[in-house]
Amino acid sequence: MTAHVSGGNDEREPETTAEELRRAARFIEAVSLDAVAELSQLAFPLAIGGLKEFPRPSPEDRAAREGVERLRRRLDDAAAELYALASAFDAGLTVPSVLLIPVLPYLATYREAAPQEQPYLIRAPNEGVDEDEFTPVDVDNDDQVAG
């Protein structure tokens, strides 16, 4: 199933598919969340407070720390929304274009990404992890009895 993605102008943007939405979500997870992880490494020195007061970062540093957390949450939410819409397409549900509005910037960024940034996004991150045919998936090493 496909849906037209339109930003509200008269020009029609290309159709989208469930697979493209999944790839865009993986792109957000792989590229953007890594960048936010780097931002979370920023150090915010304690600047306010003396010996009698509790030392804390400056107001600007506290705002910056909160901003990093908001970016991470927004990107997590965007990836989740892209996956949800892809699942709706897979289920054959009609997805009105209004539901695509929150993810349009992320979908556009994915579409504009250089081709060399996209190939590893074709396969799901956990695909092929449990393909060992000799070990049942629900068996832990600790549960096996040594003989």
C-alpha atoms as a PDB file:
ATOM      1  CA  MET A   1       0.000   0.000   0.000  1.00  0.00           C
ATOM      2  CA  THR A   2       1.239   3.475  -0.775  1.00  0.00           C
ATOM      3  CA  ALA A   3       0.194   6.933   0.267  1.00  0.00           C
ATOM      4  CA  HIS A   4       0.782  10.313  -1.237  1.00  0.00           C
ATOM      5  CA  VAL A   5       2.862  12.524   0.988  1.00  0.00           C
ATOM      6  CA  SER A   6       2.058  16.187   0.577  1.00  0.00           C
ATOM      7  CA  GLY A   7       3.275  19.153   2.531  1.00  0.00           C
ATOM      8  CA  GLY A   8       0.156  21.186   1.800  1.00  0.00           C
ATOM      9  CA  ASN A   9       1.292  22.848  -1.434  1.00  0.00           C
ATOM     10  CA  ASP A  10      -0.109  22.048  -4.895  1.00  0.00           C
ATOM     11  CA  GLU A  11       2.910  19.981  -5.888  1.00  0.00           C
ATOM     12  CA  ARG A  12       2.527  16.295  -5.089  1.00  0.00           C
ATOM     13  CA  GLU A  13       5.463  14.676  -3.381  1.00  0.00           C
ATOM     14  CA  PRO A  14       6.377  11.097  -4.241  1.00  0.00           C
ATOM     15  CA  GLU A  15       4.354   8.242  -2.819  1.00  0.00           C
ATOM     16  CA  THR A  16       5.660   6.422   0.204  1.00  0.00           C
ATOM     17  CA  THR A  17       5.582   2.750   1.109  1.00  0.00           C
ATOM     18  CA  ALA A  18       5.842   0.762   4.312  1.00  0.00           C
ATOM     19  CA  GLU A  19       9.400  -0.226   3.389  1.00  0.00           C
ATOM     20  CA  GLU A  20      10.435   3.404   2.819  1.00  0.00           C
ATOM     21  CA  LEU A  21       8.961   4.374   6.196  1.00  0.00           C
ATOM     22  CA  ARG A  22      10.942   1.558   7.862  1.00  0.00           C
ATOM     23  CA  ARG A  23      14.125   2.645   6.116  1.00  0.00           C
ATOM     24  CA  ALA A  24      13.549   6.230   7.211  1.00  0.00           C
ATOM     25  CA  ALA A  25      13.072   5.022  10.809  1.00  0.00           C
ATOM     26  CA  ARG A  26      16.318   3.023  10.626  1.00  0.00           C
ATOM     27  CA  PHE A  27      18.054   6.081   9.190  1.00  0.00           C
ATOM     28  CA  ILE A  28      16.837   8.186  12.120  1.00  0.00           C
ATOM     29  CA  GLU A  29      17.996   5.532  14.575  1.00  0.00           C
ATOM     30  CA  ALA A  30      21.386   4.991  12.953  1.00  0.00           C
ATOM     31  CA  VAL A  31      22.381   8.533  12.055  1.00  0.00           C
ATOM     32  CA  SER A  32      20.495  10.946  14.261  1.00  0.00           C
ATOM     33  CA  LEU A  33      20.530   9.022  17.501  1.00  0.00           C
ATOM     34  CA  ASP A  34      24.296   8.526  17.177  1.00  0.00           C
ATOM     35  CA  ALA A  35      24.675  12.283  16.805  1.00  0.00           C
ATOM     36  CA  VAL A  36      22.547  12.910  19.903  1.00  0.00           C
ATOM     37  CA  ALA A  37      24.615  10.346  21.788  1.00  0.00           C
ATOM     38  CA  GLU A  38      27.677  12.451  21.017  1.00  0.00           C
ATOM     39  CA  LEU A  39      25.882  15.537  22.319  1.00  0.00           C
ATOM     40  CA  SER A  40      25.128  13.738  25.563  1.00  0.00           C
ATOM     41  CA  GLN A  41      28.892  13.468  26.114  1.00  0.00           C
ATOM     42  CA  LEU A  42      29.086  17.231  26.637  1.00  0.00           C
ATOM     43  CA  ALA A  43      30.375  18.219  30.046  1.00  0.00           C
ATOM     44  CA  PHE A  44      28.504  20.869  31.985  1.00  0.00           C
ATOM     45  CA  PRO A  45      30.736  22.195  34.768  1.00  0.00           C
ATOM     46  CA  LEU A  46      29.292  23.226  38.085  1.00  0.00           C
ATOM     47  CA  ALA A  47      29.277  27.009  37.968  1.00  0.00           C
ATOM     48  CA  ILE A  48      26.759  28.305  40.493  1.00  0.00           C
ATOM     49  CA  GLY A  49      26.948  27.871  44.222  1.00  0.00           C
ATOM     50  CA  GLY A  50      29.569  28.239  46.857  1.00  0.00           C
ATOM     51  CA  LEU A  51      30.654  26.316  49.901  1.00  0.00           C
ATOM     52  CA  LYS A  52      27.307  26.846  51.603  1.00  0.00           C
ATOM     53  CA  GLU A  53      25.110  26.326  48.534  1.00  0.00           C
ATOM     54  CA  PHE A  54      24.629  23.252  46.384  1.00  0.00           C
ATOM     55  CA  PRO A  55      26.860  23.627  43.285  1.00  0.00           C
ATOM     56  CA  ARG A  56      25.037  23.265  39.965  1.00  0.00           C
ATOM     57  CA  PRO A  57      25.474  24.059  36.282  1.00  0.00           C
ATOM     58  CA  SER A  58      24.627  27.508  34.987  1.00  0.00           C
ATOM     59  CA  PRO A  59      21.082  28.103  33.696  1.00  0.00           C
ATOM     60  CA  GLU A  60      22.380  27.944  30.116  1.00  0.00           C
ATOM     61  CA  ASP A  61      24.077  24.608  30.762  1.00  0.00           C
ATOM     62  CA  ARG A  62      20.947  23.206  32.420  1.00  0.00           C
ATOM     63  CA  ALA A  63      18.907  24.298  29.386  1.00  0.00           C
ATOM     64  CA  ALA A  64      21.444  22.716  27.039  1.00  0.00           C
ATOM     65  CA  ARG A  65      21.328  19.428  28.972  1.00  0.00           C
ATOM     66  CA  GLU A  66      17.517  19.458  28.824  1.00  0.00           C
ATOM     67  CA  GLY A  67      17.705  20.260  25.098  1.00  0.00           C
ATOM     68  CA  VAL A  68      19.854  17.198  24.418  1.00  0.00           C
ATOM     69  CA  GLU A  69      17.312  15.017  26.231  1.00  0.00           C
ATOM     70  CA  ARG A  70      14.428  16.570  24.269  1.00  0.00           C
ATOM     71  CA  LEU A  71      16.242  15.913  20.983  1.00  0.00           C
ATOM     72  CA  ARG A  72      16.754  12.273  21.948  1.00  0.00           C
ATOM     73  CA  ARG A  73      13.084  11.853  22.910  1.00  0.00           C
ATOM     74  CA  ARG A  74      11.880  13.587  19.731  1.00  0.00           C
ATOM     75  CA  LEU A  75      14.034  11.322  17.547  1.00  0.00           C
ATOM     76  CA  ASP A  76      12.921   8.199  19.443  1.00  0.00           C
ATOM     77  CA  ASP A  77       9.312   9.287  18.964  1.00  0.00           C
ATOM     78  CA  ALA A  78       9.823   9.974  15.242  1.00  0.00           C
ATOM     79  CA  ALA A  79      11.318   6.520  14.654  1.00  0.00           C
ATOM     80  CA  ALA A  80       8.444   4.908  16.581  1.00  0.00           C
ATOM     81  CA  GLU A  81       5.886   6.863  14.543  1.00  0.00           C
ATOM     82  CA  LEU A  82       7.537   5.822  11.268  1.00  0.00           C
ATOM     83  CA  TYR A  83       7.456   2.162  12.340  1.00  0.00           C
ATOM     84  CA  ALA A  84       3.799   2.496  13.395  1.00  0.00           C
ATOM     85  CA  LEU A  85       2.796   3.969  10.039  1.00  0.00           C
ATOM     86  CA  ALA A  86       4.722   1.239   8.198  1.00  0.00           C
ATOM     87  CA  SER A  87       2.818  -1.388  10.205  1.00  0.00           C
ATOM     88  CA  ALA A  88      -0.468   0.301   9.325  1.00  0.00           C
ATOM     89  CA  PHE A  89       0.432   0.157   5.622  1.00  0.00           C
ATOM     90  CA  ASP A  90       1.389  -3.520   5.971  1.00  0.00           C
ATOM     91  CA  ALA A  91      -1.971  -4.252   7.604  1.00  0.00           C
ATOM     92  CA  GLY A  92      -3.748  -2.701   4.629  1.00  0.00           C
ATOM     93  CA  LEU A  93      -5.182   0.163   6.630  1.00  0.00           C
ATOM     94  CA  THR A  94      -5.978   3.471   4.999  1.00  0.00           C
ATOM     95  CA  VAL A  95      -3.521   6.006   6.343  1.00  0.00           C
ATOM     96  CA  PRO A  96      -4.733   9.573   5.861  1.00  0.00           C
ATOM     97  CA  SER A  97      -2.014  12.001   4.875  1.00  0.00           C
ATOM     98  CA  VAL A  98      -2.634  14.008   8.055  1.00  0.00           C
ATOM     99  CA  LEU A  99      -1.019  11.144  10.018  1.00  0.00           C
ATOM    100  CA  LEU A 100       2.150  11.572   7.970  1.00  0.00           C
ATOM    101  CA  ILE A 101       2.541  15.267   8.818  1.00  0.00           C
ATOM    102  CA  PRO A 102       4.624  14.746  11.997  1.00  0.00           C
ATOM    103  CA  VAL A 103       7.123  12.505  10.165  1.00  0.00           C
ATOM    104  CA  LEU A 104       7.431  14.455   6.900  1.00  0.00           C
ATOM    105  CA  PRO A 105      10.673  16.239   7.886  1.00  0.00           C
ATOM    106  CA  TYR A 106      12.288  12.907   8.807  1.00  0.00           C
ATOM    107  CA  LEU A 107      11.068  11.245   5.611  1.00  0.00           C
ATOM    108  CA  ALA A 108      12.370  14.171   3.538  1.00  0.00           C
ATOM    109  CA  THR A 109      15.753  14.026   5.287  1.00  0.00           C
ATOM    110  CA  TYR A 110      15.988  10.302   4.556  1.00  0.00           C
ATOM    111  CA  ARG A 111      15.106  10.882   0.890  1.00  0.00           C
ATOM    112  CA  GLU A 112      17.740  13.617   0.590  1.00  0.00           C
ATOM    113  CA  ALA A 113      20.496  11.548   2.228  1.00  0.00           C
ATOM    114  CA  ALA A 114      23.415  10.550   0.056  1.00  0.00           C
ATOM    115  CA  PRO A 115      23.061   7.016  -1.363  1.00  0.00           C
ATOM    116  CA  GLN A 116      26.180   5.841   0.472  1.00  0.00           C
ATOM    117  CA  GLU A 117      24.429   6.649   3.783  1.00  0.00           C
ATOM    118  CA  GLN A 118      21.488   4.352   2.998  1.00  0.00           C
ATOM    119  CA  PRO A 119      22.633   0.816   1.952  1.00  0.00           C
ATOM    120  CA  TYR A 120      23.023  -0.618   5.438  1.00  0.00           C
ATOM    121  CA  LEU A 121      19.461   0.428   6.223  1.00  0.00           C
ATOM    122  CA  ILE A 122      17.856  -2.212   3.988  1.00  0.00           C
ATOM    123  CA  ARG A 123      18.052  -5.024   6.593  1.00  0.00           C
ATOM    124  CA  ALA A 124      16.460  -4.720   9.998  1.00  0.00           C
ATOM    125  CA  PRO A 125      19.091  -4.236  12.749  1.00  0.00           C
ATOM    126  CA  ASN A 126      18.271  -7.555  14.461  1.00  0.00           C
ATOM    127  CA  GLU A 127      17.633  -9.614  11.333  1.00  0.00           C
ATOM    128  CA  GLY A 128      19.637 -12.814  11.308  1.00  0.00           C
ATOM    129  CA  VAL A 129      20.583 -12.652  14.986  1.00  0.00           C
ATOM    130  CA  ASP A 130      18.792 -15.860  16.051  1.00  0.00           C
ATOM    131  CA  GLU A 131      19.548 -18.021  13.016  1.00  0.00           C
ATOM    132  CA  ASP A 132      21.540 -20.659  14.916  1.00  0.00           C
ATOM    133  CA  GLU A 133      19.485 -23.761  14.114  1.00  0.00           C
ATOM    134  CA  PHE A 134      21.157 -25.840  16.841  1.00  0.00           C
ATOM    135  CA  THR A 135      20.313 -23.705  19.874  1.00  0.00           C
ATOM    136  CA  PRO A 136      16.665 -23.047  20.761  1.00  0.00           C
ATOM    137  CA  VAL A 137      16.001 -19.336  21.161  1.00  0.00           C
ATOM    138  CA  ASP A 138      14.586 -19.663  24.693  1.00  0.00           C
ATOM    139  CA  VAL A 139      17.546 -21.612  26.159  1.00  0.00           C
ATOM    140  CA  ASP A 140      20.046 -19.695  28.251  1.00  0.00           C
ATOM    141  CA  ASN A 141      23.570 -20.923  28.915  1.00  0.00           C
ATOM    142  CA  ASP A 142      22.863 -20.905  32.683  1.00  0.00           C
ATOM    143  CA  ASP A 143      19.921 -23.288  32.210  1.00  0.00           C
ATOM    144  CA  GLN A 144      21.980 -25.996  30.519  1.00  0.00           C
ATOM    145  CA  VAL A 145      23.145 -28.816  32.741  1.00  0.00           C
ATOM    146  CA  ALA A 146      26.860 -29.583  32.585  1.00  0.00           C
ATOM    147  CA  GLY A 147      27.453 -33.258  31.867  1.00  0.00           C
END
